[in-house]
Amino acid sequence: MLESISNAGRKISVAEIKAFEEKNGVKLPESYVKFLLQNNGGIPFPNEFPLVGHREEATDVQVFYRLADGLDVSQLQHNFDFHHENLPSREFVNFFPIGTDSFGDPIYLDLSEERYGAVIFFDMVPMWKEHTEKDIYVIAESFSAFLEMLYEPEDDD
């Protein structure tokens, strides 16, 4: 379960989130909006989560993106734009990037009617292949459920 966030962004307002949603034609889930208002992104502790059905047992959250704060690569708008420019196919159109793991694989919220608010892991390795629905892993039914499943890995000693 999420215990703390380091390197969080500046405090943001509901109005800033609403403006972002209007500009980009999205409606963010309430649990994620609360997270942005409290933390505006950052590095979670603990940060590992299970990958059920994947060749790896788990991965991590390297960073949650921020709303208009910090480097471009850590900003929601930059990652939203990059996603829509580079993954325009139907399978990915409703995915909203919220963070990345240490290998650069994106973590998304699914904003489709079928899975609204679900947290998705997208395995982009190798990057040069054409990605399909098989590279998508539903991690949690909601952002709050995702935060609950974060854990600290045990030492391999």
Protein backbone atom coordinates (compact mmCIF):
# COMPACT_ATOMS: atom_id res chain seq x y z
CA MET A 1 0.00 0.00 0.00
CA LEU A 2 1.23 3.50 -0.81
CA GLU A 3 2.95 4.99 2.23
CA SER A 4 4.55 8.13 0.87
CA ILE A 5 5.42 10.17 -2.20
CA SER A 6 8.77 11.87 -2.75
CA ASN A 7 9.58 14.49 -5.35
CA ALA A 8 5.92 15.51 -5.63
CA GLY A 9 4.97 18.44 -7.83
CA ARG A 10 3.67 21.80 -6.76
CA LYS A 11 0.17 22.06 -5.31
CA ILE A 12 -2.46 22.27 -8.03
CA SER A 13 -6.12 23.25 -8.02
CA VAL A 14 -9.35 21.63 -9.16
CA ALA A 15 -9.59 24.41 -11.76
CA GLU A 16 -6.22 23.39 -13.26
CA ILE A 17 -7.34 19.77 -13.50
CA LYS A 18 -10.67 20.80 -15.09
CA ALA A 19 -8.81 22.96 -17.63
CA PHE A 20 -6.53 20.02 -18.49
CA GLU A 21 -9.54 17.71 -18.90
CA GLU A 22 -11.35 20.20 -21.15
CA LYS A 23 -8.28 20.87 -23.29
CA ASN A 24 -7.69 17.16 -23.86
CA GLY A 25 -11.28 15.90 -23.96
CA VAL A 26 -10.88 13.52 -21.02
CA LYS A 27 -12.68 12.91 -17.73
CA LEU A 28 -10.29 11.62 -15.08
CA PRO A 29 -11.47 9.21 -12.38
CA GLU A 30 -12.15 10.75 -8.97
CA SER A 31 -9.52 8.67 -7.13
CA TYR A 32 -6.83 9.85 -9.56
CA VAL A 33 -7.96 13.48 -9.29
CA LYS A 34 -7.65 13.22 -5.49
CA PHE A 35 -4.14 11.85 -5.91
CA LEU A 36 -3.16 14.76 -8.18
CA LEU A 37 -4.59 17.29 -5.73
CA GLN A 38 -2.68 15.71 -2.84
CA ASN A 39 0.61 14.90 -4.59
CA ASN A 40 0.70 16.08 -8.21
CA GLY A 41 2.78 13.08 -9.23
CA GLY A 42 6.06 11.97 -7.73
CA ILE A 43 7.88 8.81 -6.73
CA PRO A 44 5.85 6.36 -4.64
CA PHE A 45 7.05 4.26 -1.72
CA PRO A 46 6.68 1.38 -1.86
CA ASN A 47 6.70 1.24 -5.64
CA GLU A 48 6.49 -2.39 -6.80
CA PHE A 49 3.33 -4.05 -8.16
CA PRO A 50 2.50 -7.55 -9.47
CA LEU A 51 2.21 -8.35 -13.18
CA VAL A 52 -0.26 -11.23 -13.36
CA GLY A 53 0.02 -13.15 -16.63
CA HIS A 54 3.29 -11.48 -17.65
CA ARG A 55 6.67 -13.21 -18.05
CA GLU A 56 7.95 -11.04 -15.19
CA GLU A 57 6.30 -11.39 -11.79
CA ALA A 58 6.39 -7.68 -11.00
CA THR A 59 7.59 -4.25 -12.01
CA ASP A 60 7.66 -0.85 -10.38
CA VAL A 61 6.41 2.70 -10.64
CA GLN A 62 9.46 4.81 -11.40
CA VAL A 63 7.38 7.99 -11.38
CA PHE A 64 3.82 9.25 -11.52
CA TYR A 65 3.52 12.16 -13.95
CA ARG A 66 2.76 15.72 -12.81
CA LEU A 67 0.37 18.32 -14.07
CA ALA A 68 2.45 21.12 -15.65
CA ASP A 69 5.43 20.93 -13.33
CA GLY A 70 8.98 19.69 -13.77
CA LEU A 71 10.71 18.30 -16.84
CA ASP A 72 8.64 17.64 -19.98
CA VAL A 73 9.11 13.87 -19.70
CA SER A 74 7.47 13.90 -16.26
CA GLN A 75 4.49 16.05 -17.27
CA LEU A 76 1.01 14.72 -18.01
CA GLN A 77 0.53 16.93 -21.08
CA HIS A 78 3.81 15.90 -22.67
CA ASN A 79 3.05 12.20 -22.14
CA PHE A 80 -0.57 12.56 -23.24
CA ASP A 81 0.55 14.21 -26.49
CA PHE A 82 3.32 11.64 -27.05
CA HIS A 83 0.88 8.76 -26.50
CA HIS A 84 -1.65 10.09 -29.00
CA GLU A 85 1.00 10.84 -31.62
CA ASN A 86 2.72 7.45 -31.34
CA LEU A 87 -0.07 5.00 -30.41
CA PRO A 88 -3.04 6.17 -32.45
CA SER A 89 -4.55 2.71 -33.01
CA ARG A 90 -7.99 1.82 -31.74
CA GLU A 91 -6.75 -0.45 -28.92
CA PHE A 92 -4.94 2.41 -27.23
CA VAL A 93 -7.06 5.49 -27.93
CA ASN A 94 -8.69 5.53 -24.47
CA PHE A 95 -5.46 5.07 -22.52
CA PHE A 96 -4.32 7.98 -20.38
CA PRO A 97 -0.65 7.92 -19.31
CA ILE A 98 -0.10 8.39 -15.57
CA GLY A 99 3.44 7.08 -15.09
CA THR A 100 6.21 4.75 -16.14
CA ASP A 101 8.15 1.83 -14.76
CA SER A 102 11.97 1.72 -14.57
CA PHE A 103 12.17 0.17 -18.04
CA GLY A 104 10.19 2.97 -19.69
CA ASP A 105 6.98 0.96 -20.04
CA PRO A 106 3.92 3.17 -19.56
CA ILE A 107 1.29 2.85 -16.87
CA TYR A 108 -2.14 4.05 -17.99
CA LEU A 109 -5.65 4.68 -16.82
CA ASP A 110 -8.21 3.17 -19.15
CA LEU A 111 -10.86 5.82 -19.86
CA SER A 112 -13.06 3.59 -22.03
CA GLU A 113 -16.65 2.81 -21.00
CA GLU A 114 -15.83 -0.88 -20.54
CA ARG A 115 -12.95 -0.45 -18.08
CA TYR A 116 -13.23 3.17 -16.95
CA GLY A 117 -10.59 3.92 -14.33
CA ALA A 118 -8.73 0.61 -14.58
CA VAL A 119 -4.94 0.77 -14.31
CA ILE A 120 -3.17 -0.73 -17.31
CA PHE A 121 0.45 -1.78 -17.78
CA PHE A 122 1.63 -1.69 -21.39
CA ASP A 123 4.65 -3.87 -22.21
CA MET A 124 6.47 -1.95 -24.93
CA VAL A 125 9.47 -4.28 -25.21
CA PRO A 126 10.70 -4.56 -27.85
CA MET A 127 9.84 -1.03 -28.94
CA TRP A 128 10.17 -1.71 -32.68
CA LYS A 129 7.48 -4.39 -32.86
CA GLU A 130 3.86 -3.61 -33.63
CA HIS A 131 2.04 -3.74 -30.32
CA THR A 132 -1.34 -5.35 -29.84
CA GLU A 133 -3.89 -6.08 -27.14
CA LYS A 134 -1.59 -8.94 -26.02
CA ASP A 135 0.87 -6.36 -24.66
CA ILE A 136 -1.77 -4.87 -22.34
CA TYR A 137 -2.15 -6.03 -18.73
CA VAL A 138 -5.00 -4.88 -16.51
CA ILE A 139 -3.38 -4.34 -13.12
CA ALA A 140 -6.24 -2.99 -11.01
CA GLU A 141 -9.88 -1.99 -11.42
CA SER A 142 -9.21 1.53 -10.10
CA PHE A 143 -6.38 3.88 -9.25
CA SER A 144 -7.09 3.60 -5.51
CA ALA A 145 -6.97 -0.23 -5.78
CA PHE A 146 -3.65 0.12 -7.62
CA LEU A 147 -2.18 2.24 -4.81
CA GLU A 148 -3.35 -0.41 -2.32
CA MET A 149 -1.41 -3.16 -4.12
CA LEU A 150 1.97 -1.38 -4.12
CA TYR A 151 4.54 -3.25 -2.05
CA GLU A 152 8.20 -3.24 -1.12
CA PRO A 153 10.09 -6.20 -2.64
CA GLU A 154 11.76 -8.66 -0.30
CA ASP A 155 15.54 -8.82 -0.33
CA ASP A 156 16.97 -11.70 -2.37
CA ASP A 157 19.48 -12.62 0.37
